[in-house]
Protein backbone atom coordinates (compact mmCIF):
# COMPACT_ATOMS: atom_id res chain seq x y z
CA MET A 1 -12.89 155.76 35.32
CA ASP A 2 -11.11 153.70 32.67
CA GLU A 3 -8.08 152.06 34.20
CA GLY A 4 -7.54 149.58 31.39
CA ALA A 5 -6.68 145.92 31.36
CA LEU A 6 -4.56 144.37 34.11
CA PRO A 7 -0.92 143.96 32.96
CA ASN A 8 0.73 140.60 33.55
CA THR A 9 3.11 142.11 36.11
CA ILE A 10 0.20 143.06 38.35
CA ALA A 11 -1.06 139.48 38.58
CA GLY A 12 1.80 138.67 40.94
CA ASP A 13 1.78 141.87 43.00
CA LEU A 14 -1.26 143.05 44.92
CA SER A 15 0.36 146.43 45.59
CA LYS A 16 0.28 147.24 41.87
CA MET A 17 -3.49 146.67 41.59
CA SER A 18 -5.76 149.71 41.57
CA GLY A 19 -8.74 149.92 43.89
CA ALA A 20 -11.12 149.18 41.01
CA GLN A 21 -9.11 146.11 40.02
CA LYS A 22 -9.06 144.83 43.60
CA ALA A 23 -12.82 145.31 43.86
CA ALA A 24 -13.32 143.43 40.58
CA ALA A 25 -11.16 140.51 41.75
CA PHE A 26 -12.93 140.46 45.12
CA MET A 27 -16.41 140.33 43.56
CA LEU A 28 -15.37 137.53 41.21
CA ALA A 29 -13.91 135.59 44.11
CA ILE A 30 -16.96 135.75 46.39
CA GLY A 31 -19.32 134.73 43.56
CA ASP A 32 -23.03 135.43 43.08
CA ASP A 33 -24.50 134.17 46.38
CA ALA A 34 -22.27 136.15 48.69
CA GLY A 35 -22.07 139.10 46.32
CA ARG A 36 -25.78 139.55 45.66
CA GLU A 37 -26.30 141.98 48.54
CA ILE A 38 -23.36 144.11 47.41
CA TRP A 39 -24.49 144.23 43.77
CA ASN A 40 -27.96 145.35 44.82
CA LEU A 41 -26.47 148.32 46.69
CA LEU A 42 -24.49 149.60 43.70
CA SER A 43 -25.75 152.25 41.28
CA GLU A 44 -26.02 151.40 37.59
CA GLU A 45 -22.87 153.42 36.82
CA GLU A 46 -20.99 151.59 39.57
CA VAL A 47 -22.17 148.23 38.18
CA LYS A 48 -20.95 149.22 34.70
CA GLU A 49 -17.56 150.37 36.01
CA LEU A 50 -17.06 147.27 38.16
CA SER A 51 -18.21 144.96 35.35
CA SER A 52 -15.80 146.63 32.94
CA GLN A 53 -12.89 146.04 35.30
CA MET A 54 -13.95 142.40 35.84
CA SER A 55 -14.06 141.74 32.11
CA MET A 56 -10.50 143.05 31.61
CA LEU A 57 -8.93 141.55 34.72
CA GLY A 58 -7.32 138.46 33.24
CA PRO A 59 -5.76 135.67 35.35
CA VAL A 60 -5.27 136.29 39.09
CA SER A 61 -3.34 133.69 41.07
CA ALA A 62 -4.72 131.98 44.19
CA GLY A 63 -1.95 133.62 46.22
CA ILE A 64 -3.03 137.11 45.21
CA VAL A 65 -6.67 136.20 45.94
CA GLU A 66 -5.58 135.21 49.46
CA GLU A 67 -3.73 138.48 49.98
CA LEU A 68 -6.75 140.34 48.67
CA PHE A 69 -9.07 138.67 51.18
CA VAL A 70 -6.63 139.44 53.97
CA GLU A 71 -6.71 143.05 52.86
CA PHE A 72 -10.50 142.92 53.10
CA ALA A 73 -10.09 141.59 56.66
CA SER A 74 -11.14 138.04 55.72
CA ASN A 75 -8.37 135.45 55.78
CA VAL A 76 -9.54 133.07 53.04
CA SER A 77 -7.28 130.28 51.86
CA SER A 78 -9.73 128.00 50.06
CA VAL A 79 -10.45 130.16 47.04
CA GLY A 80 -8.68 128.85 43.95
CA SER A 81 -7.33 130.90 41.07
CA LEU A 82 -9.81 132.85 38.95
CA ASN A 83 -9.97 134.36 35.49
CA GLY A 84 -11.73 137.64 34.74
CA SER A 85 -13.23 137.64 31.23
CA TYR A 86 -16.27 138.89 29.33
CA ASP A 87 -17.94 135.49 29.52
CA ASN A 88 -17.34 135.01 33.25
CA THR A 89 -18.52 138.55 33.97
CA GLU A 90 -21.68 138.15 31.92
CA ARG A 91 -22.43 134.75 33.48
CA LEU A 92 -22.17 136.24 36.98
CA LEU A 93 -24.27 139.31 36.15
CA ARG A 94 -27.06 137.17 34.67
CA LYS A 95 -27.48 135.52 38.06
CA LEU A 96 -27.81 138.88 39.78
CA LEU A 97 -29.50 141.35 37.42
CA PRO A 98 -32.41 141.41 34.93
CA PRO A 99 -31.40 140.18 31.44
CA ASP A 100 -32.08 143.53 29.75
CA LYS A 101 -29.81 145.36 32.23
CA VAL A 102 -27.07 142.78 31.70
CA GLY A 103 -27.35 143.32 27.94
CA VAL A 104 -26.93 147.07 28.34
CA ILE A 105 -23.88 146.69 30.59
CA MET A 106 -22.11 144.09 28.44
CA ASP A 107 -22.81 146.01 25.22
CA GLU A 108 -21.16 149.08 26.65
CA ILE A 109 -18.07 147.40 28.11
CA ARG A 110 -17.47 145.35 24.96
CA GLY A 111 -17.37 148.53 22.78
CA PRO A 112 -16.01 149.97 20.55
CA ALA A 113 -18.87 150.09 18.00
CA GLY A 114 -20.66 152.64 20.17
CA ARG A 115 -21.00 153.59 23.80
CA THR A 116 -24.75 154.23 23.59
CA MET A 117 -27.61 152.71 21.64
CA TRP A 118 -27.68 155.76 19.37
CA ASP A 119 -23.97 155.44 18.66
CA LYS A 120 -24.50 151.78 17.78
CA LEU A 121 -27.32 152.69 15.36
CA GLY A 122 -24.86 154.99 13.61
CA ASN A 123 -22.89 151.88 12.60
CA VAL A 124 -25.92 150.13 11.09
CA ASN A 125 -26.28 150.29 7.30
CA GLU A 126 -29.11 152.65 6.35
CA MET A 127 -30.86 150.00 4.24
CA VAL A 128 -30.95 147.60 7.17
CA LEU A 129 -32.12 150.27 9.61
CA ALA A 130 -34.78 151.58 7.22
CA SER A 131 -36.04 148.04 6.60
CA TYR A 132 -36.70 147.75 10.34
CA LEU A 133 -38.05 151.26 10.93
CA LYS A 134 -40.60 151.17 8.09
CA ASN A 135 -42.66 148.75 10.22
CA GLU A 136 -42.64 151.08 13.25
CA TYR A 137 -44.96 153.96 14.09
CA PRO A 138 -43.94 157.24 12.37
CA GLN A 139 -43.63 158.88 15.80
CA THR A 140 -41.11 156.22 16.88
CA VAL A 141 -39.10 156.70 13.70
CA ALA A 142 -39.15 160.46 14.25
CA VAL A 143 -37.62 159.97 17.71
CA VAL A 144 -34.90 157.71 16.32
CA LEU A 145 -33.97 160.08 13.47
CA GLN A 146 -33.69 162.97 15.89
CA LYS A 147 -31.23 161.02 18.04
CA ILE A 148 -28.84 159.73 15.36
CA LYS A 149 -26.39 161.85 13.36
CA PRO A 150 -28.03 164.09 10.71
CA GLU A 151 -26.07 162.60 7.79
CA HIS A 152 -27.08 159.07 8.79
CA ALA A 153 -30.70 160.16 9.36
CA ALA A 154 -30.73 161.65 5.85
CA ARG A 155 -29.60 158.37 4.30
CA VAL A 156 -32.23 156.41 6.25
CA LEU A 157 -34.96 158.89 5.34
CA SER A 158 -34.07 158.71 1.64
CA VAL A 159 -34.65 154.94 1.46
CA LEU A 160 -37.88 154.81 3.49
CA PRO A 161 -41.14 154.63 1.46
CA GLU A 162 -41.96 158.18 0.28
CA ASP A 163 -45.37 158.60 1.94
CA PHE A 164 -44.07 157.12 5.18
CA SER A 165 -40.94 159.30 5.17
CA MET A 166 -43.02 162.46 4.71
CA GLU A 167 -45.20 161.44 7.65
CA VAL A 168 -42.03 161.00 9.71
CA VAL A 169 -40.81 164.47 8.67
CA MET A 170 -44.17 166.02 9.71
CA ARG A 171 -43.93 164.29 13.10
CA MET A 172 -40.40 165.62 13.52
CA LEU A 173 -41.57 169.17 12.73
CA ARG A 174 -44.32 168.98 15.34
CA MET A 175 -42.19 167.20 17.93
CA GLU A 176 -41.26 168.96 21.13
CA ALA A 177 -38.70 167.76 23.68
CA VAL A 178 -39.04 163.99 24.06
CA GLN A 179 -39.78 162.89 27.61
CA LYS A 180 -37.12 160.66 29.15
CA ASP A 181 -39.47 157.74 29.81
CA ILE A 182 -40.56 157.71 26.14
CA LEU A 183 -36.92 157.89 25.00
CA ASP A 184 -35.97 155.06 27.36
CA LYS A 185 -38.82 152.93 26.02
CA VAL A 186 -37.82 153.50 22.40
CA GLU A 187 -34.18 152.74 23.26
CA GLN A 188 -35.11 149.54 25.08
CA THR A 189 -37.31 148.38 22.19
CA LEU A 190 -34.52 149.00 19.70
CA ARG A 191 -32.06 147.14 21.90
CA VAL A 192 -34.24 144.08 22.43
CA GLU A 193 -36.04 143.80 19.08
CA PHE A 194 -33.48 145.17 16.66
CA MET A 195 -29.88 145.16 17.91
CA ASN A 196 -30.11 141.70 19.50
CA ASN A 197 -31.65 140.25 16.33
CA LEU A 198 -29.06 142.06 14.20
CA ALA A 199 -26.25 140.59 16.30
CA ARG A 200 -27.67 137.10 15.83
CA THR A 201 -28.23 137.41 12.08
CA SER A 202 -24.87 139.05 11.43
CA ARG A 203 -23.00 135.88 12.34
CA LYS A 204 -22.24 134.34 8.96
CA ASP A 205 -22.92 130.72 8.21
CA SER A 206 -19.79 128.90 7.03
CA HIS A 207 -21.44 128.33 3.64
CA GLU A 208 -21.83 132.12 3.22
CA THR A 209 -18.17 132.66 4.06
CA ILE A 210 -17.04 130.10 1.47
CA ALA A 211 -19.45 131.54 -1.11
CA ASP A 212 -17.86 134.98 -0.59
CA ILE A 213 -14.42 133.45 -1.13
CA PHE A 214 -15.49 131.48 -4.21
CA ASN A 215 -16.90 134.70 -5.71
CA PHE A 216 -13.30 135.87 -6.16
CA LEU A 217 -12.10 132.72 -7.95
CA ASP A 218 -11.74 132.64 -11.72
CA ARG A 219 -14.27 130.48 -13.54
CA SER A 220 -12.08 127.40 -14.03
CA THR A 221 -10.84 127.37 -10.41
CA GLU A 222 -14.37 127.93 -9.13
CA SER A 223 -15.66 125.02 -11.22
CA ARG A 224 -12.82 122.81 -10.00
CA PHE A 225 -13.52 123.55 -6.33
CA LEU A 226 -17.27 123.17 -6.64
CA GLY A 227 -16.85 119.94 -8.63
CA SER A 228 -14.59 118.46 -5.97
CA LEU A 229 -16.95 119.60 -3.23
CA GLU A 230 -19.92 118.00 -4.98
CA ASP A 231 -18.10 114.65 -4.90
CA ARG A 232 -17.65 114.97 -1.12
CA ASN A 233 -20.74 116.84 0.01
CA ARG A 234 -23.39 117.57 -2.63
CA ASP A 235 -25.70 119.43 -0.23
CA SER A 236 -22.99 121.87 0.82
CA ALA A 237 -21.93 122.44 -2.79
CA GLU A 238 -25.51 123.29 -3.77
CA ARG A 239 -25.93 125.66 -0.82
CA ILE A 240 -22.69 127.48 -1.67
CA ARG A 241 -23.62 127.73 -5.35
CA ALA A 242 -27.00 129.23 -4.38
CA LEU A 243 -25.31 131.83 -2.15
CA MET A 244 -22.70 132.96 -4.67
CA PHE A 245 -23.23 136.28 -6.46
CA THR A 246 -22.17 136.01 -10.08
CA PHE A 247 -21.93 138.30 -13.08
CA GLU A 248 -25.26 137.03 -14.44
CA ASP A 249 -26.93 138.04 -11.15
CA LEU A 250 -26.55 141.64 -12.34
CA ASN A 251 -29.74 140.79 -14.25
CA LYS A 252 -31.57 141.54 -10.99
CA LEU A 253 -30.52 145.19 -10.94
CA ASP A 254 -33.29 147.70 -11.48
CA PRO A 255 -32.85 150.28 -14.30
CA GLN A 256 -31.51 152.92 -11.92
CA GLY A 257 -28.99 150.40 -10.55
CA VAL A 258 -27.81 149.48 -14.07
CA GLN A 259 -27.34 153.14 -14.96
CA THR A 260 -25.41 153.80 -11.75
CA LEU A 261 -23.14 150.82 -12.44
CA LEU A 262 -22.56 151.94 -16.04
CA ARG A 263 -21.41 155.36 -14.82
CA ASN A 264 -18.82 153.73 -12.57
CA VAL A 265 -17.23 151.02 -14.71
CA ASP A 266 -14.33 151.34 -17.09
CA LYS A 267 -15.63 151.30 -20.69
CA ASP A 268 -12.95 148.87 -21.90
CA LYS A 269 -13.78 146.49 -19.02
CA LEU A 270 -17.48 146.81 -19.86
CA ALA A 271 -16.94 145.77 -23.48
CA MET A 272 -14.78 142.82 -22.45
CA ALA A 273 -17.33 141.70 -19.81
CA MET A 274 -20.22 141.95 -22.27
CA LYS A 275 -18.39 139.69 -24.73
CA GLY A 276 -19.09 136.79 -22.35
CA ALA A 277 -22.54 137.92 -21.15
CA SER A 278 -25.82 136.22 -21.91
CA ASP A 279 -28.20 137.83 -24.42
CA THR A 280 -30.56 138.69 -21.57
CA LEU A 281 -27.90 140.58 -19.61
CA ARG A 282 -26.64 142.33 -22.75
CA ASP A 283 -30.16 143.50 -23.57
CA LEU A 284 -30.59 144.82 -20.00
CA PHE A 285 -27.44 146.95 -20.25
CA PHE A 286 -28.05 148.11 -23.81
CA SER A 287 -31.61 149.16 -22.94
CA ASN A 288 -30.33 151.38 -20.15
CA MET A 289 -27.84 153.21 -22.39
CA SER A 290 -28.41 155.95 -24.91
CA GLU A 291 -28.73 154.75 -28.51
CA ARG A 292 -25.35 156.27 -29.34
CA ALA A 293 -23.58 154.73 -26.32
CA ALA A 294 -25.08 151.29 -27.08
CA LYS A 295 -23.92 151.57 -30.70
CA ILE A 296 -20.36 152.45 -29.62
CA LEU A 297 -20.28 149.55 -27.13
CA ARG A 298 -21.42 147.07 -29.81
CA GLU A 299 -18.73 148.36 -32.17
CA ASP A 300 -16.07 148.05 -29.44
CA MET A 301 -17.13 144.46 -28.77
CA GLU A 302 -16.97 143.56 -32.46
CA ALA A 303 -13.57 145.25 -32.88
CA MET A 304 -12.11 143.05 -30.13
CA GLY A 305 -12.53 139.89 -32.13
CA PRO A 306 -11.84 136.63 -30.24
CA VAL A 307 -10.84 137.21 -26.60
CA ARG A 308 -9.42 134.96 -23.91
CA LEU A 309 -11.85 133.52 -21.37
CA LYS A 310 -9.45 134.61 -18.59
CA ASP A 311 -9.74 138.27 -19.70
CA VAL A 312 -13.52 138.05 -19.81
CA ASP A 313 -13.62 136.51 -16.33
CA GLU A 314 -11.44 139.30 -14.94
CA ALA A 315 -13.57 142.02 -16.53
CA GLN A 316 -16.78 140.46 -15.25
CA MET A 317 -15.33 140.09 -11.75
CA ASP A 318 -14.33 143.77 -11.82
CA MET A 319 -17.93 144.68 -12.60
CA VAL A 320 -19.28 142.43 -9.84
CA ASN A 321 -16.86 143.96 -7.32
CA LYS A 322 -17.79 147.47 -8.44
CA ALA A 323 -21.47 146.56 -7.98
CA LYS A 324 -20.74 145.32 -4.47
CA ASP A 325 -18.85 148.52 -3.65
CA LEU A 326 -21.81 150.59 -4.84
CA ALA A 327 -24.15 148.42 -2.76
CA ASP A 328 -21.95 148.96 0.31
CA ALA A 329 -22.21 152.71 -0.32
CA GLY A 330 -26.02 152.42 -0.56
CA GLU A 331 -26.08 153.59 -4.19
CA ILE A 332 -27.59 150.39 -5.61
CA VAL A 333 -29.40 147.35 -4.21
CA LEU A 334 -28.28 143.82 -5.03
CA SER A 335 -30.71 140.94 -4.57
CA ASP A 336 -29.34 137.51 -3.70
CA ASN A 337 -29.69 134.32 -5.74
CA LYS A 338 -32.62 133.06 -3.72
CA GLY A 339 -34.84 135.84 -5.09
CA GLU A 340 -35.86 137.01 -1.62
CA ASP A 341 -35.83 140.57 -0.34
CA GLU A 342 -32.46 140.24 1.34
CA LEU A 343 -29.46 142.40 0.60
CA ILE A 344 -25.83 141.64 -0.15
CA TYR A 345 -23.26 143.92 1.47
């Protein structure tokens, strides 16, 4: 049953509240001590349904709470007003249920990324998921790939190490119906070890957010902002500069990544961008082109003569944005400025 959030008009009229909404308000009002016995008698589906209604309830006046208790044959006048929210619901459930069960319930009622663990995995980038799965047993990975959508499984399989991915395929070929207890165990492990960690690491640091913004500034504006920031907070300025992805960071692309980028950029933009590139970056791009294509690009660059710095900045930013789009699509991998094995999305 999905009866939706409680409209404002209902807050002042008990008769307009559904049974599920009344039950949610009642359980919030009696709290964890008095409600413990009731919670323990509910099935997991009933707990999920009741929790969902609690989280969407919104403000309920003290007067309505009184009427509600009268309706439940208990004339209570001392209960103050209450507010049904995700946080209040989760806080109450944590006093009554095991933490892992609370996590399952709250994940599902928060939605809409996915109703089940397997739905949620379908929203995880294949590079991130493969990075986690490559450290698991092949049998575990086989179970996971059988549960997620085929197109997503194909993308994950294609970025796993080759020997490991073939072992996973062999396990999938030999696999019969997976027993429910094994499936539950895999699901619980993924929830606790992977999804919870992913949720924590996905919250961006403010320095990362500013670095993303600064990436879209032209060179003079970027220098002005960073210069001013250095005067006020040198540490923050250095952290932001280290997090920014610049045109010269394309040096970190592997040959396949360079070739993929070359196939997707406008040739005029490429020539303009290369006019302002370092010798090292030019050599990287030239070495990944055919001799004829490299010759034509050099001639185009020479034919341009002097160019405005603003035009070069724009062309280079176009290439950086195209590289990021290709990384989002999983076609290339971009390493960050720190030289670690992290990815930029």
